N, C-alpha and C. Protein backbone atom coordinates (compact mmCIF):
# COMPACT_ATOMS: atom_id res chain seq x y z
N MET A 1 14.28 -36.25 1.30
CA MET A 1 13.35 -37.34 1.39
C MET A 1 11.93 -36.77 1.32
N THR A 2 11.13 -37.31 0.40
CA THR A 2 9.73 -36.91 0.27
C THR A 2 8.95 -37.53 1.41
N ILE A 3 8.07 -36.73 2.02
CA ILE A 3 7.33 -37.17 3.20
C ILE A 3 5.94 -37.70 2.87
N ALA A 4 5.19 -37.00 2.05
CA ALA A 4 3.79 -37.36 1.81
C ALA A 4 3.61 -37.98 0.43
N GLU A 5 2.82 -39.05 0.36
CA GLU A 5 2.49 -39.66 -0.92
C GLU A 5 1.53 -38.76 -1.70
N LYS A 6 0.54 -38.24 -0.99
CA LYS A 6 -0.47 -37.37 -1.61
C LYS A 6 0.05 -35.94 -1.57
N ARG A 7 -0.06 -35.25 -2.67
CA ARG A 7 0.37 -33.84 -2.70
C ARG A 7 -0.69 -33.00 -2.00
N LEU A 8 -0.20 -32.08 -1.18
CA LEU A 8 -1.08 -31.17 -0.45
C LEU A 8 -1.00 -29.79 -1.09
N THR A 9 -2.02 -29.00 -0.85
CA THR A 9 -1.93 -27.60 -1.23
C THR A 9 -1.08 -26.90 -0.18
N LEU A 10 -0.63 -25.69 -0.50
CA LEU A 10 0.15 -24.93 0.46
C LEU A 10 -0.67 -24.67 1.71
N ALA A 11 -1.95 -24.34 1.56
CA ALA A 11 -2.81 -24.07 2.71
C ALA A 11 -2.95 -25.33 3.59
N GLU A 12 -3.10 -26.49 2.97
CA GLU A 12 -3.20 -27.74 3.74
C GLU A 12 -1.89 -28.01 4.48
N PHE A 13 -0.77 -27.75 3.81
CA PHE A 13 0.52 -27.95 4.44
C PHE A 13 0.68 -27.04 5.66
N LEU A 14 0.33 -25.78 5.51
CA LEU A 14 0.50 -24.82 6.61
C LEU A 14 -0.40 -25.15 7.80
N ALA A 15 -1.45 -25.93 7.58
CA ALA A 15 -2.35 -26.33 8.66
C ALA A 15 -1.79 -27.53 9.44
N LEU A 16 -0.77 -28.20 8.92
CA LEU A 16 -0.18 -29.34 9.62
C LEU A 16 0.56 -28.87 10.87
N PRO A 17 0.66 -29.72 11.88
CA PRO A 17 1.47 -29.36 13.05
C PRO A 17 2.95 -29.33 12.65
N GLU A 18 3.71 -28.48 13.31
CA GLU A 18 5.15 -28.41 13.04
C GLU A 18 5.82 -29.70 13.50
N ARG A 19 6.89 -30.06 12.82
CA ARG A 19 7.68 -31.23 13.17
C ARG A 19 9.13 -30.82 13.37
N LYS A 20 9.88 -31.68 14.03
CA LYS A 20 11.32 -31.47 14.16
C LYS A 20 12.00 -32.72 13.65
N PRO A 21 12.93 -32.63 12.74
CA PRO A 21 13.27 -31.42 11.99
C PRO A 21 12.10 -30.96 11.13
N ALA A 22 12.15 -29.71 10.77
CA ALA A 22 11.05 -29.05 10.08
C ALA A 22 10.78 -29.66 8.71
N LEU A 23 9.52 -29.55 8.31
CA LEU A 23 9.11 -29.94 6.96
C LEU A 23 9.20 -28.72 6.06
N ARG A 24 9.43 -28.99 4.77
CA ARG A 24 9.44 -27.92 3.76
C ARG A 24 8.43 -28.27 2.68
N TYR A 25 7.78 -27.25 2.18
CA TYR A 25 6.80 -27.41 1.10
C TYR A 25 7.37 -26.77 -0.16
N LEU A 26 7.53 -27.57 -1.20
CA LEU A 26 8.09 -27.08 -2.46
C LEU A 26 6.98 -26.64 -3.40
N PRO A 27 7.29 -25.77 -4.36
CA PRO A 27 6.24 -25.23 -5.24
C PRO A 27 5.43 -26.29 -5.99
N ASP A 28 6.00 -27.49 -6.21
CA ASP A 28 5.26 -28.53 -6.91
C ASP A 28 4.38 -29.36 -5.98
N GLY A 29 4.31 -28.99 -4.70
CA GLY A 29 3.48 -29.69 -3.74
C GLY A 29 4.21 -30.79 -2.99
N THR A 30 5.47 -31.02 -3.30
CA THR A 30 6.27 -32.01 -2.60
C THR A 30 6.61 -31.52 -1.20
N ILE A 31 6.56 -32.44 -0.24
CA ILE A 31 6.92 -32.12 1.14
C ILE A 31 8.18 -32.92 1.48
N THR A 32 9.20 -32.21 1.96
CA THR A 32 10.45 -32.86 2.37
C THR A 32 10.76 -32.45 3.80
N GLN A 33 11.66 -33.20 4.41
CA GLN A 33 12.06 -32.87 5.79
C GLN A 33 13.51 -32.43 5.80
N LYS A 34 13.80 -31.39 6.57
CA LYS A 34 15.17 -30.92 6.72
C LYS A 34 16.01 -32.00 7.39
N VAL A 35 17.30 -31.92 7.15
CA VAL A 35 18.24 -32.81 7.83
C VAL A 35 18.40 -32.34 9.27
N SER A 36 18.48 -33.28 10.20
CA SER A 36 18.71 -32.91 11.60
C SER A 36 20.06 -32.23 11.73
N PRO A 37 20.11 -31.08 12.40
CA PRO A 37 21.38 -30.39 12.55
C PRO A 37 22.29 -31.14 13.52
N LYS A 38 23.58 -31.01 13.26
CA LYS A 38 24.61 -31.60 14.12
C LYS A 38 25.29 -30.48 14.90
N THR A 39 26.26 -30.83 15.71
CA THR A 39 26.90 -29.87 16.61
C THR A 39 27.53 -28.68 15.89
N LYS A 40 28.34 -28.95 14.85
CA LYS A 40 29.00 -27.86 14.14
C LYS A 40 27.96 -26.92 13.54
N HIS A 41 26.91 -27.49 12.99
CA HIS A 41 25.81 -26.70 12.42
C HIS A 41 25.25 -25.76 13.48
N GLY A 42 24.95 -26.31 14.64
CA GLY A 42 24.36 -25.51 15.72
C GLY A 42 25.28 -24.41 16.21
N ILE A 43 26.56 -24.70 16.31
CA ILE A 43 27.52 -23.69 16.78
C ILE A 43 27.63 -22.55 15.76
N ILE A 44 27.75 -22.91 14.49
CA ILE A 44 27.83 -21.88 13.43
C ILE A 44 26.55 -21.06 13.41
N GLN A 45 25.41 -21.72 13.49
CA GLN A 45 24.12 -21.02 13.47
C GLN A 45 24.02 -20.04 14.63
N GLY A 46 24.36 -20.49 15.84
CA GLY A 46 24.29 -19.62 17.01
C GLY A 46 25.25 -18.45 16.90
N ALA A 47 26.47 -18.71 16.42
CA ALA A 47 27.47 -17.64 16.29
C ALA A 47 27.00 -16.60 15.28
N LEU A 48 26.44 -17.05 14.17
CA LEU A 48 25.98 -16.10 13.14
C LEU A 48 24.81 -15.26 13.65
N VAL A 49 23.83 -15.90 14.27
CA VAL A 49 22.68 -15.16 14.82
C VAL A 49 23.16 -14.14 15.85
N THR A 50 24.06 -14.53 16.72
CA THR A 50 24.59 -13.62 17.74
C THR A 50 25.29 -12.43 17.11
N ARG A 51 26.15 -12.68 16.13
CA ARG A 51 26.91 -11.60 15.50
C ARG A 51 26.00 -10.64 14.74
N VAL A 52 25.04 -11.19 14.00
CA VAL A 52 24.12 -10.32 13.27
C VAL A 52 23.31 -9.47 14.25
N ASN A 53 22.74 -10.10 15.26
CA ASN A 53 21.89 -9.35 16.20
C ASN A 53 22.68 -8.35 17.03
N ARG A 54 23.90 -8.69 17.39
CA ARG A 54 24.74 -7.74 18.12
C ARG A 54 24.99 -6.49 17.27
N PHE A 55 25.18 -6.69 15.97
CA PHE A 55 25.39 -5.57 15.06
C PHE A 55 24.09 -4.82 14.78
N ALA A 56 23.01 -5.54 14.54
CA ALA A 56 21.80 -4.94 13.94
C ALA A 56 20.71 -4.50 14.91
N GLU A 57 20.56 -5.17 16.03
CA GLU A 57 19.44 -4.84 16.92
C GLU A 57 19.55 -3.47 17.60
N PRO A 58 20.72 -3.06 18.09
CA PRO A 58 20.77 -1.77 18.79
C PRO A 58 20.28 -0.59 17.94
N GLY A 59 20.59 -0.59 16.68
CA GLY A 59 20.15 0.49 15.80
C GLY A 59 18.87 0.18 15.05
N ARG A 60 18.22 -0.92 15.44
CA ARG A 60 16.99 -1.35 14.77
C ARG A 60 17.18 -1.44 13.25
N VAL A 61 18.27 -2.10 12.88
CA VAL A 61 18.60 -2.30 11.46
C VAL A 61 17.97 -3.58 10.95
N ALA A 62 18.06 -4.66 11.75
CA ALA A 62 17.58 -5.96 11.31
C ALA A 62 17.51 -6.90 12.51
N ARG A 63 16.98 -8.07 12.27
CA ARG A 63 16.98 -9.12 13.27
C ARG A 63 17.21 -10.45 12.57
N ALA A 64 18.11 -11.26 13.14
CA ALA A 64 18.37 -12.62 12.66
C ALA A 64 17.56 -13.58 13.50
N ILE A 65 16.91 -14.54 12.85
CA ILE A 65 16.06 -15.50 13.54
C ILE A 65 16.45 -16.90 13.06
N PRO A 66 16.79 -17.80 13.98
CA PRO A 66 17.14 -19.16 13.56
C PRO A 66 15.89 -19.99 13.26
N GLU A 67 16.02 -20.89 12.29
CA GLU A 67 14.97 -21.88 11.98
C GLU A 67 13.59 -21.25 11.86
N ILE A 68 13.48 -20.20 11.07
CA ILE A 68 12.20 -19.47 10.93
C ILE A 68 11.47 -19.90 9.66
N ARG A 69 10.21 -20.33 9.82
CA ARG A 69 9.43 -20.71 8.65
C ARG A 69 9.06 -19.46 7.86
N CYS A 70 9.37 -19.49 6.56
CA CYS A 70 9.06 -18.38 5.66
C CYS A 70 8.29 -18.95 4.48
N THR A 71 7.11 -18.42 4.25
CA THR A 71 6.26 -18.89 3.17
C THR A 71 6.15 -17.80 2.13
N PHE A 72 6.68 -18.09 0.92
CA PHE A 72 6.66 -17.13 -0.18
C PHE A 72 6.96 -17.88 -1.47
N GLY A 73 6.63 -17.30 -2.58
CA GLY A 73 6.94 -17.91 -3.87
C GLY A 73 6.27 -19.25 -4.08
N GLY A 74 5.14 -19.49 -3.42
CA GLY A 74 4.43 -20.76 -3.58
C GLY A 74 5.06 -21.92 -2.81
N ALA A 75 5.99 -21.61 -1.90
CA ALA A 75 6.68 -22.64 -1.12
C ALA A 75 6.76 -22.19 0.34
N SER A 76 7.18 -23.12 1.19
CA SER A 76 7.37 -22.81 2.60
C SER A 76 8.65 -23.50 3.06
N HIS A 77 9.66 -22.69 3.36
CA HIS A 77 10.97 -23.19 3.75
C HIS A 77 11.32 -22.71 5.15
N VAL A 78 12.33 -23.34 5.73
CA VAL A 78 12.81 -22.98 7.05
C VAL A 78 14.33 -22.80 6.94
N PRO A 79 14.77 -21.60 6.51
CA PRO A 79 16.22 -21.41 6.44
C PRO A 79 16.84 -21.55 7.83
N ASP A 80 18.09 -21.96 7.86
CA ASP A 80 18.77 -22.10 9.14
C ASP A 80 18.84 -20.77 9.86
N VAL A 81 19.03 -19.69 9.11
CA VAL A 81 18.96 -18.33 9.66
C VAL A 81 18.25 -17.46 8.63
N GLY A 82 17.26 -16.73 9.08
CA GLY A 82 16.59 -15.73 8.25
C GLY A 82 16.85 -14.36 8.85
N VAL A 83 17.29 -13.42 8.03
CA VAL A 83 17.55 -12.06 8.51
C VAL A 83 16.56 -11.13 7.83
N PHE A 84 15.86 -10.35 8.64
CA PHE A 84 14.88 -9.39 8.12
C PHE A 84 15.30 -7.99 8.52
N ARG A 85 15.33 -7.10 7.54
CA ARG A 85 15.55 -5.69 7.87
C ARG A 85 14.41 -5.26 8.79
N TRP A 86 14.73 -4.37 9.71
CA TRP A 86 13.79 -3.99 10.78
C TRP A 86 12.42 -3.58 10.24
N GLU A 87 12.42 -2.74 9.22
CA GLU A 87 11.13 -2.25 8.70
C GLU A 87 10.33 -3.33 7.99
N ARG A 88 10.94 -4.48 7.70
CA ARG A 88 10.26 -5.56 7.00
C ARG A 88 9.85 -6.70 7.93
N ILE A 89 10.21 -6.62 9.20
CA ILE A 89 9.83 -7.69 10.12
C ILE A 89 8.31 -7.70 10.21
N PRO A 90 7.68 -8.82 9.84
CA PRO A 90 6.22 -8.87 9.89
C PRO A 90 5.71 -8.70 11.32
N ARG A 91 4.65 -7.91 11.43
CA ARG A 91 4.09 -7.60 12.74
C ARG A 91 2.59 -7.91 12.76
N ASP A 92 2.14 -8.27 13.96
CA ASP A 92 0.70 -8.44 14.19
C ASP A 92 0.08 -7.06 14.32
N PRO A 93 -1.26 -6.97 14.30
CA PRO A 93 -1.91 -5.66 14.46
C PRO A 93 -1.52 -4.92 15.74
N ASP A 94 -1.11 -5.66 16.79
CA ASP A 94 -0.73 -5.01 18.04
C ASP A 94 0.74 -4.54 18.04
N GLY A 95 1.45 -4.73 16.92
CA GLY A 95 2.82 -4.26 16.80
C GLY A 95 3.88 -5.26 17.21
N ARG A 96 3.47 -6.42 17.71
CA ARG A 96 4.43 -7.46 18.07
C ARG A 96 4.78 -8.26 16.82
N VAL A 97 5.91 -8.97 16.87
CA VAL A 97 6.30 -9.76 15.71
C VAL A 97 5.24 -10.81 15.40
N ALA A 98 4.99 -11.02 14.12
CA ALA A 98 3.99 -11.99 13.67
C ALA A 98 4.57 -13.40 13.72
N ASP A 99 3.72 -14.36 13.98
CA ASP A 99 4.15 -15.75 13.97
C ASP A 99 4.30 -16.29 12.55
N ASN A 100 3.46 -15.83 11.66
CA ASN A 100 3.49 -16.34 10.29
C ASN A 100 4.22 -15.35 9.38
N ILE A 101 5.32 -15.82 8.80
CA ILE A 101 6.14 -15.00 7.92
C ILE A 101 5.76 -15.35 6.48
N LEU A 102 5.15 -14.40 5.80
CA LEU A 102 4.67 -14.63 4.44
C LEU A 102 5.42 -13.80 3.41
N ILE A 103 6.66 -13.46 3.74
CA ILE A 103 7.54 -12.71 2.84
C ILE A 103 8.93 -13.36 2.89
N PRO A 104 9.74 -13.12 1.86
CA PRO A 104 11.09 -13.66 1.90
C PRO A 104 11.97 -12.86 2.86
N PRO A 105 12.92 -13.53 3.50
CA PRO A 105 13.88 -12.78 4.31
C PRO A 105 14.78 -11.96 3.41
N ASP A 106 15.46 -10.98 3.97
CA ASP A 106 16.44 -10.22 3.20
C ASP A 106 17.69 -11.05 2.96
N LEU A 107 18.06 -11.83 3.96
CA LEU A 107 19.21 -12.73 3.88
C LEU A 107 18.77 -14.09 4.38
N ALA A 108 19.01 -15.14 3.58
CA ALA A 108 18.71 -16.50 4.00
C ALA A 108 20.02 -17.27 4.05
N VAL A 109 20.21 -18.01 5.15
CA VAL A 109 21.45 -18.76 5.35
C VAL A 109 21.11 -20.23 5.54
N GLU A 110 21.82 -21.08 4.82
CA GLU A 110 21.73 -22.52 4.98
C GLU A 110 23.11 -23.03 5.39
N ILE A 111 23.14 -23.96 6.33
CA ILE A 111 24.38 -24.52 6.83
C ILE A 111 24.40 -26.01 6.50
N VAL A 112 25.46 -26.45 5.86
CA VAL A 112 25.57 -27.85 5.45
C VAL A 112 25.79 -28.73 6.67
N SER A 113 24.97 -29.78 6.79
CA SER A 113 25.15 -30.78 7.83
C SER A 113 25.69 -32.05 7.18
N PRO A 114 26.34 -32.94 7.96
CA PRO A 114 26.84 -34.19 7.39
C PRO A 114 25.72 -34.95 6.67
N GLY A 115 26.04 -35.45 5.49
CA GLY A 115 25.06 -36.20 4.71
C GLY A 115 24.16 -35.32 3.86
N GLN A 116 24.31 -34.03 3.97
CA GLN A 116 23.46 -33.10 3.22
C GLN A 116 24.20 -32.68 1.95
N SER A 117 23.46 -32.49 0.89
CA SER A 117 24.03 -32.10 -0.40
C SER A 117 24.28 -30.60 -0.47
N THR A 118 25.55 -30.23 -0.65
CA THR A 118 25.88 -28.82 -0.83
C THR A 118 25.21 -28.30 -2.10
N THR A 119 25.22 -29.12 -3.15
CA THR A 119 24.58 -28.72 -4.41
C THR A 119 23.10 -28.45 -4.19
N GLY A 120 22.44 -29.29 -3.42
CA GLY A 120 21.02 -29.08 -3.13
C GLY A 120 20.77 -27.78 -2.40
N LEU A 121 21.66 -27.43 -1.48
CA LEU A 121 21.51 -26.16 -0.76
C LEU A 121 21.80 -24.97 -1.65
N VAL A 122 22.75 -25.10 -2.57
CA VAL A 122 23.00 -24.01 -3.53
C VAL A 122 21.77 -23.84 -4.42
N GLU A 123 21.19 -24.95 -4.87
CA GLU A 123 19.95 -24.85 -5.68
C GLU A 123 18.84 -24.17 -4.90
N LEU A 124 18.71 -24.51 -3.62
CA LEU A 124 17.70 -23.87 -2.78
C LEU A 124 17.98 -22.37 -2.68
N CYS A 125 19.23 -22.00 -2.49
CA CYS A 125 19.58 -20.57 -2.39
C CYS A 125 19.36 -19.85 -3.71
N LEU A 126 19.59 -20.52 -4.83
CA LEU A 126 19.26 -19.93 -6.13
C LEU A 126 17.75 -19.69 -6.22
N TRP A 127 16.95 -20.62 -5.71
CA TRP A 127 15.50 -20.44 -5.68
C TRP A 127 15.15 -19.25 -4.78
N TYR A 128 15.81 -19.17 -3.61
CA TYR A 128 15.55 -18.06 -2.70
C TYR A 128 15.72 -16.72 -3.42
N VAL A 129 16.86 -16.51 -4.06
CA VAL A 129 17.12 -15.20 -4.67
C VAL A 129 16.23 -14.96 -5.88
N ALA A 130 15.80 -16.03 -6.55
CA ALA A 130 14.87 -15.87 -7.68
C ALA A 130 13.48 -15.48 -7.20
N ASN A 131 13.23 -15.67 -5.89
CA ASN A 131 11.90 -15.40 -5.33
C ASN A 131 11.91 -14.32 -4.26
N GLY A 132 12.86 -13.39 -4.35
CA GLY A 132 12.79 -12.19 -3.52
C GLY A 132 13.80 -12.04 -2.42
N VAL A 133 14.57 -13.08 -2.09
CA VAL A 133 15.61 -12.94 -1.07
C VAL A 133 16.73 -12.10 -1.67
N ARG A 134 17.21 -11.10 -0.93
CA ARG A 134 18.25 -10.21 -1.47
C ARG A 134 19.61 -10.88 -1.59
N LEU A 135 19.90 -11.81 -0.69
CA LEU A 135 21.20 -12.47 -0.67
C LEU A 135 21.03 -13.78 0.08
N ALA A 136 21.70 -14.84 -0.40
CA ALA A 136 21.64 -16.14 0.28
C ALA A 136 23.06 -16.63 0.49
N LEU A 137 23.22 -17.43 1.51
CA LEU A 137 24.54 -17.88 1.91
C LEU A 137 24.48 -19.36 2.27
N VAL A 138 25.43 -20.14 1.75
CA VAL A 138 25.59 -21.54 2.14
C VAL A 138 26.90 -21.62 2.90
N LEU A 139 26.83 -22.04 4.16
CA LEU A 139 28.03 -22.19 4.98
C LEU A 139 28.35 -23.67 5.11
N ASP A 140 29.60 -24.04 4.83
CA ASP A 140 30.01 -25.44 4.87
C ASP A 140 31.11 -25.63 5.91
N PRO A 141 30.76 -26.15 7.10
CA PRO A 141 31.77 -26.35 8.14
C PRO A 141 32.87 -27.34 7.74
N ALA A 142 32.57 -28.28 6.85
CA ALA A 142 33.56 -29.30 6.47
C ALA A 142 34.78 -28.68 5.82
N ASP A 143 34.59 -27.72 4.93
CA ASP A 143 35.75 -27.09 4.28
C ASP A 143 35.88 -25.60 4.64
N GLU A 144 35.09 -25.19 5.63
CA GLU A 144 35.13 -23.81 6.13
C GLU A 144 35.00 -22.79 5.01
N SER A 145 33.97 -23.00 4.19
CA SER A 145 33.72 -22.08 3.08
C SER A 145 32.32 -21.49 3.19
N ALA A 146 32.16 -20.39 2.48
CA ALA A 146 30.86 -19.74 2.35
C ALA A 146 30.61 -19.52 0.87
N LEU A 147 29.45 -19.91 0.41
CA LEU A 147 29.04 -19.64 -0.97
C LEU A 147 27.98 -18.56 -0.91
N VAL A 148 28.26 -17.44 -1.55
CA VAL A 148 27.34 -16.30 -1.55
C VAL A 148 26.56 -16.33 -2.85
N VAL A 149 25.23 -16.42 -2.74
CA VAL A 149 24.36 -16.46 -3.92
C VAL A 149 23.68 -15.10 -4.03
N GLN A 150 23.90 -14.45 -5.16
CA GLN A 150 23.40 -13.10 -5.39
C GLN A 150 22.18 -13.13 -6.31
N PRO A 151 21.38 -12.06 -6.29
CA PRO A 151 20.17 -12.03 -7.12
C PRO A 151 20.41 -12.22 -8.62
N ASP A 152 21.61 -11.88 -9.10
CA ASP A 152 21.89 -12.12 -10.52
C ASP A 152 22.30 -13.58 -10.75
N ARG A 153 22.17 -14.39 -9.69
CA ARG A 153 22.42 -15.82 -9.71
C ARG A 153 23.90 -16.19 -9.80
N THR A 154 24.78 -15.21 -9.58
CA THR A 154 26.19 -15.55 -9.50
C THR A 154 26.48 -16.09 -8.10
N VAL A 155 27.48 -16.96 -8.03
CA VAL A 155 27.87 -17.57 -6.77
C VAL A 155 29.35 -17.27 -6.56
N ARG A 156 29.67 -16.72 -5.38
CA ARG A 156 31.06 -16.45 -5.03
C ARG A 156 31.45 -17.35 -3.87
N VAL A 157 32.68 -17.81 -3.89
CA VAL A 157 33.20 -18.65 -2.81
C VAL A 157 34.10 -17.79 -1.93
N LEU A 158 33.88 -17.86 -0.62
CA LEU A 158 34.69 -17.14 0.35
C LEU A 158 35.30 -18.15 1.32
N ARG A 159 36.57 -17.90 1.68
CA ARG A 159 37.28 -18.77 2.64
C ARG A 159 38.27 -17.94 3.44
N GLY A 160 38.68 -18.50 4.57
CA GLY A 160 39.80 -17.94 5.33
C GLY A 160 39.66 -16.47 5.67
N GLU A 161 40.56 -15.66 5.11
CA GLU A 161 40.60 -14.23 5.39
C GLU A 161 39.57 -13.43 4.60
N ASP A 162 38.81 -14.09 3.71
CA ASP A 162 37.78 -13.38 2.95
C ASP A 162 36.74 -12.83 3.91
N VAL A 163 36.13 -11.72 3.51
CA VAL A 163 35.12 -11.07 4.34
C VAL A 163 33.78 -11.09 3.60
N PHE A 164 32.74 -11.57 4.29
CA PHE A 164 31.39 -11.54 3.76
C PHE A 164 30.79 -10.18 4.08
N GLU A 165 30.33 -9.48 3.05
CA GLU A 165 29.62 -8.22 3.22
C GLU A 165 28.20 -8.42 2.73
N ALA A 166 27.23 -8.08 3.56
CA ALA A 166 25.84 -8.38 3.26
C ALA A 166 25.17 -7.39 2.34
N GLY A 167 25.80 -6.28 2.03
CA GLY A 167 25.24 -5.32 1.07
C GLY A 167 23.87 -4.83 1.49
N GLU A 168 22.96 -4.74 0.52
CA GLU A 168 21.60 -4.22 0.78
C GLU A 168 20.81 -5.11 1.74
N ALA A 169 21.17 -6.38 1.82
CA ALA A 169 20.44 -7.27 2.72
C ALA A 169 20.62 -6.87 4.18
N LEU A 170 21.80 -6.35 4.50
CA LEU A 170 22.10 -5.92 5.86
C LEU A 170 23.23 -4.90 5.78
N PRO A 171 22.88 -3.65 5.42
CA PRO A 171 23.91 -2.63 5.17
C PRO A 171 24.88 -2.45 6.33
N GLY A 172 26.17 -2.45 5.98
CA GLY A 172 27.21 -2.23 6.96
C GLY A 172 27.72 -3.48 7.66
N PHE A 173 27.03 -4.59 7.49
CA PHE A 173 27.45 -5.82 8.17
C PHE A 173 28.52 -6.53 7.37
N ALA A 174 29.62 -6.85 8.05
CA ALA A 174 30.72 -7.61 7.45
C ALA A 174 31.19 -8.64 8.46
N LEU A 175 31.61 -9.79 7.96
CA LEU A 175 32.03 -10.87 8.82
C LEU A 175 33.15 -11.65 8.16
N GLY A 176 34.26 -11.80 8.85
CA GLY A 176 35.35 -12.62 8.35
C GLY A 176 34.94 -14.09 8.37
N ILE A 177 35.13 -14.77 7.26
CA ILE A 177 34.74 -16.18 7.18
C ILE A 177 35.57 -17.02 8.15
N GLY A 178 36.87 -16.77 8.19
CA GLY A 178 37.72 -17.50 9.14
C GLY A 178 37.29 -17.26 10.58
N GLU A 179 36.88 -16.03 10.88
CA GLU A 179 36.42 -15.69 12.23
C GLU A 179 35.17 -16.50 12.60
N LEU A 180 34.25 -16.64 11.65
CA LEU A 180 33.03 -17.41 11.91
C LEU A 180 33.37 -18.87 12.19
N PHE A 181 34.21 -19.46 11.35
CA PHE A 181 34.53 -20.88 11.53
C PHE A 181 35.47 -21.11 12.71
N GLN A 182 36.12 -20.07 13.19
CA GLN A 182 36.98 -20.19 14.37
C GLN A 182 36.15 -20.61 15.59
N THR A 183 34.85 -20.34 15.56
CA THR A 183 33.99 -20.71 16.69
C THR A 183 33.91 -22.23 16.87
N LEU A 184 34.35 -23.00 15.86
CA LEU A 184 34.34 -24.45 15.97
C LEU A 184 35.56 -25.00 16.70
N ARG A 185 36.54 -24.14 16.94
CA ARG A 185 37.77 -24.57 17.60
C ARG A 185 37.67 -24.29 19.11
N LEU A 186 38.12 -25.23 19.88
CA LEU A 186 38.04 -25.08 21.33
C LEU A 186 39.41 -24.88 21.95
N ASP A 187 40.43 -24.57 21.14
CA ASP A 187 41.78 -24.36 21.69
C ASP A 187 42.07 -22.92 21.97
């Protein structure tokens, strides 16, 4: 859904107060609002952030951040999970993490919510990898699948016993797709 009748510049957009759900700024100046996350979305998001950080933080390999605004490629998006390799985490002059992220994440993850277009999220992930993201992932709780979007714009489907390997985006990280979606079961 388009939010503003008048097109804003990226600088004007970034000066707006944040909203929930977050607004996105597209390269053509269009402003849209993310779909409100539902329970399955939140559980998958939390499980993925936990697993990535448990693997990556002790060795200072990377950090996963949920709902992080990233401005790059003439747009400003809020992937459901953004993963940054440790050496690429933007920092303020005092060495603390920066509030404004002006680079693409190494790994961007989008999670399908009810009423949201999977095709639209795949298109967004194709845009991500065309603009510097090393790897993008669309997770769909409805059919328990993962679509992996690679920089060469190929898309692979993973399900069940398939294992997602993050490659250069997060070296050494692997996650069973069935294991991730198992977090939705309470039995």
